[in-house]
């Protein structure tokens, strides 16, 4: 299926560009990595542990994803 954006459309990749920019500033640019495996592990750890569990979003009332899941009816904590 073709992309919904057009060539030069500034909004087409805005979400991923913003996310990648934040990833570079927070964990990646803080030190030099000796191997690609170290870097890959650092990216995984940042995304799965820090970003995905701790980020807050207006759609959830500024709760973290973990807090939002705990408060959802029918969820076992």
PDB file of N, CA and C in Angstrom:
ATOM      1  N   UNK A   1       0.853  -1.171   0.000  1.00  0.00           N
ATOM      2  CA  UNK A   1       0.000   0.000   0.000  1.00  0.00           C
ATOM      3  C   UNK A   1       0.902   1.238   0.000  1.00  0.00           C
ATOM      4  N   UNK A   2       0.622   2.208  -0.840  1.00  0.00           N
ATOM      5  CA  UNK A   2       1.472   3.399  -0.921  1.00  0.00           C
ATOM      6  C   UNK A   2       1.353   4.281   0.323  1.00  0.00           C
ATOM      7  N   UNK A   3       2.363   5.107   0.514  1.00  0.00           N
ATOM      8  CA  UNK A   3       2.368   6.055   1.620  1.00  0.00           C
ATOM      9  C   UNK A   3       1.227   7.048   1.464  1.00  0.00           C
ATOM     10  N   UNK A   4       0.700   7.526   2.584  1.00  0.00           N
ATOM     11  CA  UNK A   4      -0.384   8.510   2.525  1.00  0.00           C
ATOM     12  C   UNK A   4       0.157   9.913   2.285  1.00  0.00           C
ATOM     13  N   UNK A   5       1.438  10.109   2.510  1.00  0.00           N
ATOM     14  CA  UNK A   5       2.046  11.423   2.299  1.00  0.00           C
ATOM     15  C   UNK A   5       2.498  11.599   0.865  1.00  0.00           C
ATOM     16  N   UNK A   6       2.993  12.773   0.586  1.00  0.00           N
ATOM     17  CA  UNK A   6       3.523  13.057  -0.737  1.00  0.00           C
ATOM     18  C   UNK A   6       4.994  13.439  -0.598  1.00  0.00           C
ATOM     19  N   UNK A   7       5.685  13.518  -1.701  1.00  0.00           N
ATOM     20  CA  UNK A   7       7.097  13.878  -1.678  1.00  0.00           C
ATOM     21  C   UNK A   7       7.240  15.265  -1.076  1.00  0.00           C
ATOM     22  N   UNK A   8       8.117  15.374  -0.095  1.00  0.00           N
ATOM     23  CA  UNK A   8       8.344  16.665   0.548  1.00  0.00           C
ATOM     24  C   UNK A   8       7.314  17.025   1.607  1.00  0.00           C
ATOM     25  N   UNK A   9       6.425  16.116   1.932  1.00  0.00           N
ATOM     26  CA  UNK A   9       5.399  16.380   2.941  1.00  0.00           C
ATOM     27  C   UNK A   9       6.057  16.371   4.322  1.00  0.00           C
ATOM     28  N   UNK A  10       6.053  17.515   4.989  1.00  0.00           N
ATOM     29  CA  UNK A  10       6.764  17.637   6.261  1.00  0.00           C
ATOM     30  C   UNK A  10       6.129  16.824   7.381  1.00  0.00           C
ATOM     31  N   UNK A  11       4.866  16.479   7.280  1.00  0.00           N
ATOM     32  CA  UNK A  11       4.185  15.759   8.364  1.00  0.00           C
ATOM     33  C   UNK A  11       4.237  14.249   8.193  1.00  0.00           C
ATOM     34  N   UNK A  12       4.691  13.764   7.047  1.00  0.00           N
ATOM     35  CA  UNK A  12       4.669  12.338   6.767  1.00  0.00           C
ATOM     36  C   UNK A  12       5.473  11.530   7.780  1.00  0.00           C
ATOM     37  N   UNK A  13       6.652  12.007   8.145  1.00  0.00           N
ATOM     38  CA  UNK A  13       7.515  11.268   9.064  1.00  0.00           C
ATOM     39  C   UNK A  13       7.723  11.999  10.385  1.00  0.00           C
ATOM     40  N   UNK A  14       6.874  12.937  10.704  1.00  0.00           N
ATOM     41  CA  UNK A  14       7.086  13.783  11.874  1.00  0.00           C
ATOM     42  C   UNK A  14       7.171  12.988  13.173  1.00  0.00           C
ATOM     43  N   UNK A  15       6.330  11.994  13.334  1.00  0.00           N
ATOM     44  CA  UNK A  15       6.314  11.239  14.583  1.00  0.00           C
ATOM     45  C   UNK A  15       7.612  10.463  14.759  1.00  0.00           C
ATOM     46  N   UNK A  16       8.038   9.731  13.747  1.00  0.00           N
ATOM     47  CA  UNK A  16       9.259   8.936  13.874  1.00  0.00           C
ATOM     48  C   UNK A  16      10.487   9.837  13.950  1.00  0.00           C
ATOM     49  N   UNK A  17      10.489  10.953  13.214  1.00  0.00           N
ATOM     50  CA  UNK A  17      11.614  11.885  13.280  1.00  0.00           C
ATOM     51  C   UNK A  17      11.761  12.438  14.692  1.00  0.00           C
ATOM     52  N   UNK A  18      10.662  12.799  15.309  1.00  0.00           N
ATOM     53  CA  UNK A  18      10.681  13.332  16.663  1.00  0.00           C
ATOM     54  C   UNK A  18      11.157  12.275  17.654  1.00  0.00           C
ATOM     55  N   UNK A  19      10.663  11.067  17.502  1.00  0.00           N
ATOM     56  CA  UNK A  19      11.042   9.981  18.387  1.00  0.00           C
ATOM     57  C   UNK A  19      12.527   9.654  18.245  1.00  0.00           C
ATOM     58  N   UNK A  20      13.011   9.564  17.012  1.00  0.00           N
ATOM     59  CA  UNK A  20      14.422   9.250  16.790  1.00  0.00           C
ATOM     60  C   UNK A  20      15.316  10.360  17.336  1.00  0.00           C
ATOM     61  N   UNK A  21      14.903  11.599  17.170  1.00  0.00           N
ATOM     62  CA  UNK A  21      15.674  12.728  17.684  1.00  0.00           C
ATOM     63  C   UNK A  21      15.819  12.634  19.197  1.00  0.00           C
ATOM     64  N   UNK A  22      14.725  12.332  19.871  1.00  0.00           N
ATOM     65  CA  UNK A  22      14.748  12.208  21.336  1.00  0.00           C
ATOM     66  C   UNK A  22      15.625  11.030  21.772  1.00  0.00           C
ATOM     67  N   UNK A  23      15.561   9.935  21.045  1.00  0.00           N
ATOM     68  CA  UNK A  23      16.379   8.766  21.364  1.00  0.00           C
ATOM     69  C   UNK A  23      17.856   9.095  21.236  1.00  0.00           C
ATOM     70  N   UNK A  24      18.207   9.868  20.213  1.00  0.00           N
ATOM     71  CA  UNK A  24      19.610  10.237  20.029  1.00  0.00           C
ATOM     72  C   UNK A  24      20.087  11.153  21.149  1.00  0.00           C
ATOM     73  N   UNK A  25      19.280  12.094  21.551  1.00  0.00           N
ATOM     74  CA  UNK A  25      19.687  13.055  22.575  1.00  0.00           C
ATOM     75  C   UNK A  25      19.781  12.393  23.944  1.00  0.00           C
ATOM     76  N   UNK A  26      18.816  11.560  24.281  1.00  0.00           N
ATOM     77  CA  UNK A  26      18.799  10.997  25.632  1.00  0.00           C
ATOM     78  C   UNK A  26      19.845   9.909  25.854  1.00  0.00           C
ATOM     79  N   UNK A  27      19.738   8.728  25.252  1.00  0.00           N
ATOM     80  CA  UNK A  27      20.738   7.713  25.607  1.00  0.00           C
ATOM     81  C   UNK A  27      21.943   7.620  24.679  1.00  0.00           C
ATOM     82  N   UNK A  28      21.775   7.925  23.405  1.00  0.00           N
ATOM     83  CA  UNK A  28      22.822   7.611  22.446  1.00  0.00           C
ATOM     84  C   UNK A  28      23.995   8.578  22.437  1.00  0.00           C
ATOM     85  N   UNK A  29      23.739   9.859  22.587  1.00  0.00           N
ATOM     86  CA  UNK A  29      24.807  10.841  22.486  1.00  0.00           C
ATOM     87  C   UNK A  29      25.528  11.086  23.810  1.00  0.00           C
ATOM     88  N   UNK A  30      25.193  10.326  24.835  1.00  0.00           N
ATOM     89  CA  UNK A  30      25.805  10.547  26.150  1.00  0.00           C
ATOM     90  C   UNK A  30      27.150   9.866  26.313  1.00  0.00           C
ATOM     91  N   UNK A  31      27.451   8.904  25.443  1.00  0.00           N
ATOM     92  CA  UNK A  31      28.733   8.221  25.522  1.00  0.00           C
ATOM     93  C   UNK A  31      29.080   7.592  24.188  1.00  0.00           C
ATOM     94  N   UNK A  32      30.300   7.081  24.081  1.00  0.00           N
ATOM     95  CA  UNK A  32      30.729   6.375  22.872  1.00  0.00           C
ATOM     96  C   UNK A  32      30.518   4.882  23.095  1.00  0.00           C
ATOM     97  N   UNK A  33      30.115   4.201  22.064  1.00  0.00           N
ATOM     98  CA  UNK A  33      29.830   2.769  22.164  1.00  0.00           C
ATOM     99  C   UNK A  33      30.959   1.993  21.497  1.00  0.00           C
ATOM    100  N   UNK A  34      31.451   0.954  22.158  1.00  0.00           N
ATOM    101  CA  UNK A  34      32.555   0.159  21.616  1.00  0.00           C
ATOM    102  C   UNK A  34      32.100  -0.773  20.502  1.00  0.00           C
ATOM    103  N   UNK A  35      30.890  -1.336  20.645  1.00  0.00           N
ATOM    104  CA  UNK A  35      30.400  -2.281  19.633  1.00  0.00           C
ATOM    105  C   UNK A  35      28.955  -1.949  19.268  1.00  0.00           C
ATOM    106  N   UNK A  36      28.532  -2.473  18.143  1.00  0.00           N
ATOM    107  CA  UNK A  36      27.135  -2.289  17.731  1.00  0.00           C
ATOM    108  C   UNK A  36      26.185  -3.012  18.682  1.00  0.00           C
ATOM    109  N   UNK A  37      26.660  -4.129  19.229  1.00  0.00           N
ATOM    110  CA  UNK A  37      25.828  -4.871  20.174  1.00  0.00           C
ATOM    111  C   UNK A  37      25.563  -4.059  21.438  1.00  0.00           C
ATOM    112  N   UNK A  38      26.584  -3.371  21.946  1.00  0.00           N
ATOM    113  CA  UNK A  38      26.390  -2.489  23.107  1.00  0.00           C
ATOM    114  C   UNK A  38      25.368  -1.409  22.784  1.00  0.00           C
ATOM    115  N   UNK A  39      25.488  -0.816  21.620  1.00  0.00           N
ATOM    116  CA  UNK A  39      24.562   0.229  21.198  1.00  0.00           C
ATOM    117  C   UNK A  39      23.144  -0.322  21.047  1.00  0.00           C
ATOM    118  N   UNK A  40      23.016  -1.482  20.421  1.00  0.00           N
ATOM    119  CA  UNK A  40      21.697  -2.099  20.241  1.00  0.00           C
ATOM    120  C   UNK A  40      21.055  -2.402  21.592  1.00  0.00           C
ATOM    121  N   UNK A  41      21.844  -2.901  22.532  1.00  0.00           N
ATOM    122  CA  UNK A  41      21.316  -3.179  23.873  1.00  0.00           C
ATOM    123  C   UNK A  41      20.891  -1.899  24.580  1.00  0.00           C
ATOM    124  N   UNK A  42      21.658  -0.828  24.398  1.00  0.00           N
ATOM    125  CA  UNK A  42      21.308   0.455  25.021  1.00  0.00           C
ATOM    126  C   UNK A  42      20.013   1.009  24.430  1.00  0.00           C
ATOM    127  N   UNK A  43      19.839   0.889  23.126  1.00  0.00           N
ATOM    128  CA  UNK A  43      18.603   1.360  22.479  1.00  0.00           C
ATOM    129  C   UNK A  43      17.414   0.544  22.982  1.00  0.00           C
ATOM    130  N   UNK A  44      17.576  -0.781  23.037  1.00  0.00           N
ATOM    131  CA  UNK A  44      16.502  -1.648  23.533  1.00  0.00           C
ATOM    132  C   UNK A  44      16.129  -1.284  24.965  1.00  0.00           C
ATOM    133  N   UNK A  45      17.143  -1.146  25.801  1.00  0.00           N
ATOM    134  CA  UNK A  45      16.894  -0.821  27.205  1.00  0.00           C
ATOM    135  C   UNK A  45      16.180   0.524  27.346  1.00  0.00           C
ATOM    136  N   UNK A  46      16.622   1.509  26.589  1.00  0.00           N
ATOM    137  CA  UNK A  46      15.982   2.823  26.643  1.00  0.00           C
ATOM    138  C   UNK A  46      14.519   2.731  26.215  1.00  0.00           C
ATOM    139  N   UNK A  47      14.260   2.084  25.082  1.00  0.00           N
ATOM    140  CA  UNK A  47      12.892   2.026  24.562  1.00  0.00           C
ATOM    141  C   UNK A  47      11.981   1.174  25.430  1.00  0.00           C
ATOM    142  N   UNK A  48      12.416  -0.009  25.788  1.00  0.00           N
ATOM    143  CA  UNK A  48      11.554  -0.936  26.513  1.00  0.00           C
ATOM    144  C   UNK A  48      11.415  -0.619  27.994  1.00  0.00           C
ATOM    145  N   UNK A  49      12.442  -0.064  28.594  1.00  0.00           N
ATOM    146  CA  UNK A  49      12.384   0.176  30.034  1.00  0.00           C
ATOM    147  C   UNK A  49      12.080   1.633  30.351  1.00  0.00           C
ATOM    148  N   UNK A  50      12.844   2.531  29.812  1.00  0.00           N
ATOM    149  CA  UNK A  50      12.634   3.941  30.151  1.00  0.00           C
ATOM    150  C   UNK A  50      11.474   4.551  29.399  1.00  0.00           C
ATOM    151  N   UNK A  51      11.556   4.564  28.087  1.00  0.00           N
ATOM    152  CA  UNK A  51      10.563   5.277  27.287  1.00  0.00           C
ATOM    153  C   UNK A  51       9.177   4.650  27.370  1.00  0.00           C
ATOM    154  N   UNK A  52       9.063   3.397  27.073  1.00  0.00           N
ATOM    155  CA  UNK A  52       7.739   2.771  27.010  1.00  0.00           C
ATOM    156  C   UNK A  52       7.044   2.642  28.360  1.00  0.00           C
ATOM    157  N   UNK A  53       7.795   2.595  29.430  1.00  0.00           N
ATOM    158  CA  UNK A  53       7.176   2.431  30.748  1.00  0.00           C
ATOM    159  C   UNK A  53       7.030   3.734  31.520  1.00  0.00           C
ATOM    160  N   UNK A  54       7.826   4.751  31.189  1.00  0.00           N
ATOM    161  CA  UNK A  54       7.845   5.963  31.994  1.00  0.00           C
ATOM    162  C   UNK A  54       7.320   7.208  31.298  1.00  0.00           C
ATOM    163  N   UNK A  55       7.186   7.183  29.977  1.00  0.00           N
ATOM    164  CA  UNK A  55       6.745   8.398  29.281  1.00  0.00           C
ATOM    165  C   UNK A  55       5.299   8.715  29.639  1.00  0.00           C
ATOM    166  N   UNK A  56       5.007   9.980  29.720  1.00  0.00           N
ATOM    167  CA  UNK A  56       3.642  10.424  30.021  1.00  0.00           C
ATOM    168  C   UNK A  56       3.020  10.979  28.754  1.00  0.00           C
ATOM    169  N   UNK A  57       1.700  10.879  28.642  1.00  0.00           N
ATOM    170  CA  UNK A  57       1.021  11.349  27.437  1.00  0.00           C
ATOM    171  C   UNK A  57      -0.302  12.007  27.812  1.00  0.00           C
ATOM    172  N   UNK A  58      -0.653  13.045  27.076  1.00  0.00           N
ATOM    173  CA  UNK A  58      -1.886  13.781  27.364  1.00  0.00           C
ATOM    174  C   UNK A  58      -3.131  12.906  27.189  1.00  0.00           C
ATOM    175  N   UNK A  59      -3.074  11.935  26.295  1.00  0.00           N
ATOM    176  CA  UNK A  59      -4.235  11.072  26.046  1.00  0.00           C
ATOM    177  C   UNK A  59      -4.548  10.178  27.248  1.00  0.00           C
ATOM    178  N   UNK A  60      -3.585   9.977  28.142  1.00  0.00           N
ATOM    179  CA  UNK A  60      -3.815   9.144  29.325  1.00  0.00           C
ATOM    180  C   UNK A  60      -3.917   9.982  30.588  1.00  0.00           C
ATOM    181  N   UNK A  61      -4.158  11.273  30.438  1.00  0.00           N
ATOM    182  CA  UNK A  61      -4.234  12.155  31.600  1.00  0.00           C
ATOM    183  C   UNK A  61      -2.875  12.369  32.244  1.00  0.00           C
ATOM    184  N   UNK A  62      -1.831  12.337  31.419  1.00  0.00           N
ATOM    185  CA  UNK A  62      -0.444  12.513  31.849  1.00  0.00           C
ATOM    186  C   UNK A  62       0.032  11.418  32.799  1.00  0.00           C
ATOM    187  N   UNK A  63      -0.561  10.228  32.651  1.00  0.00           N
ATOM    188  CA  UNK A  63      -0.102   9.067  33.403  1.00  0.00           C
ATOM    189  C   UNK A  63       0.937   8.311  32.565  1.00  0.00           C
ATOM    190  N   UNK A  64       1.776   7.552  33.244  1.00  0.00           N
ATOM    191  CA  UNK A  64       2.677   6.665  32.507  1.00  0.00           C
ATOM    192  C   UNK A  64       1.846   5.496  31.993  1.00  0.00           C
ATOM    193  N   UNK A  65       2.329   4.760  30.992  1.00  0.00           N
ATOM    194  CA  UNK A  65       1.581   3.593  30.527  1.00  0.00           C
ATOM    195  C   UNK A  65       1.311   2.577  31.639  1.00  0.00           C
ATOM    196  N   UNK A  66       2.273   2.391  32.530  1.00  0.00           N
ATOM    197  CA  UNK A  66       2.090   1.449  33.638  1.00  0.00           C
ATOM    198  C   UNK A  66       0.969   1.929  34.565  1.00  0.00           C
ATOM    199  N   UNK A  67       0.970   3.215  34.915  1.00  0.00           N
ATOM    200  CA  UNK A  67      -0.094   3.762  35.776  1.00  0.00           C
ATOM    201  C   UNK A  67      -1.455   3.655  35.105  1.00  0.00           C
ATOM    202  N   UNK A  68      -1.492   3.937  33.830  1.00  0.00           N
ATOM    203  CA  UNK A  68      -2.744   3.878  33.070  1.00  0.00           C
ATOM    204  C   UNK A  68      -3.308   2.452  33.075  1.00  0.00           C
ATOM    205  N   UNK A  69      -2.451   1.461  32.864  1.00  0.00           N
ATOM    206  CA  UNK A  69      -2.895   0.064  32.880  1.00  0.00           C
ATOM    207  C   UNK A  69      -3.398  -0.345  34.255  1.00  0.00           C
ATOM    208  N   UNK A  70      -2.728   0.105  35.291  1.00  0.00           N
ATOM    209  CA  UNK A  70      -3.147  -0.240  36.658  1.00  0.00           C
ATOM    210  C   UNK A  70      -4.527   0.315  36.980  1.00  0.00           C
ATOM    211  N   UNK A  71      -4.835   1.478  36.455  1.00  0.00           N
ATOM    212  CA  UNK A  71      -6.116   2.135  36.765  1.00  0.00           C
ATOM    213  C   UNK A  71      -7.250   1.679  35.872  1.00  0.00           C
ATOM    214  N   UNK A  72      -6.936   0.946  34.827  1.00  0.00           N
ATOM    215  CA  UNK A  72      -7.970   0.499  33.884  1.00  0.00           C
ATOM    216  C   UNK A  72      -8.831  -0.561  34.543  1.00  0.00           C
ATOM    217  N   UNK A  73     -10.158  -0.403  34.458  1.00  0.00           N
ATOM    218  CA  UNK A  73     -11.057  -1.386  35.081  1.00  0.00           C
ATOM    219  C   UNK A  73     -10.822  -2.787  34.515  1.00  0.00           C
ATOM    220  N   UNK A  74     -10.852  -3.764  35.405  1.00  0.00           N
ATOM    221  CA  UNK A  74     -10.696  -5.153  34.969  1.00  0.00           C
ATOM    222  C   UNK A  74      -9.249  -5.599  34.865  1.00  0.00           C
ATOM    223  N   UNK A  75      -8.307  -4.714  35.158  1.00  0.00           N
ATOM    224  CA  UNK A  75      -6.885  -5.050  35.078  1.00  0.00           C
ATOM    225  C   UNK A  75      -6.411  -5.577  36.422  1.00  0.00           C
ATOM    226  N   UNK A  76      -5.703  -6.670  36.408  1.00  0.00           N
ATOM    227  CA  UNK A  76      -5.127  -7.223  37.622  1.00  0.00           C
ATOM    228  C   UNK A  76      -3.769  -6.591  37.848  1.00  0.00           C
ATOM    229  N   UNK A  77      -3.560  -5.965  38.984  1.00  0.00           N
ATOM    230  CA  UNK A  77      -2.285  -5.264  39.273  1.00  0.00           C
ATOM    231  C   UNK A  77      -1.269  -6.169  39.900  1.00  0.00           C
TER     232      UNK A  77
END
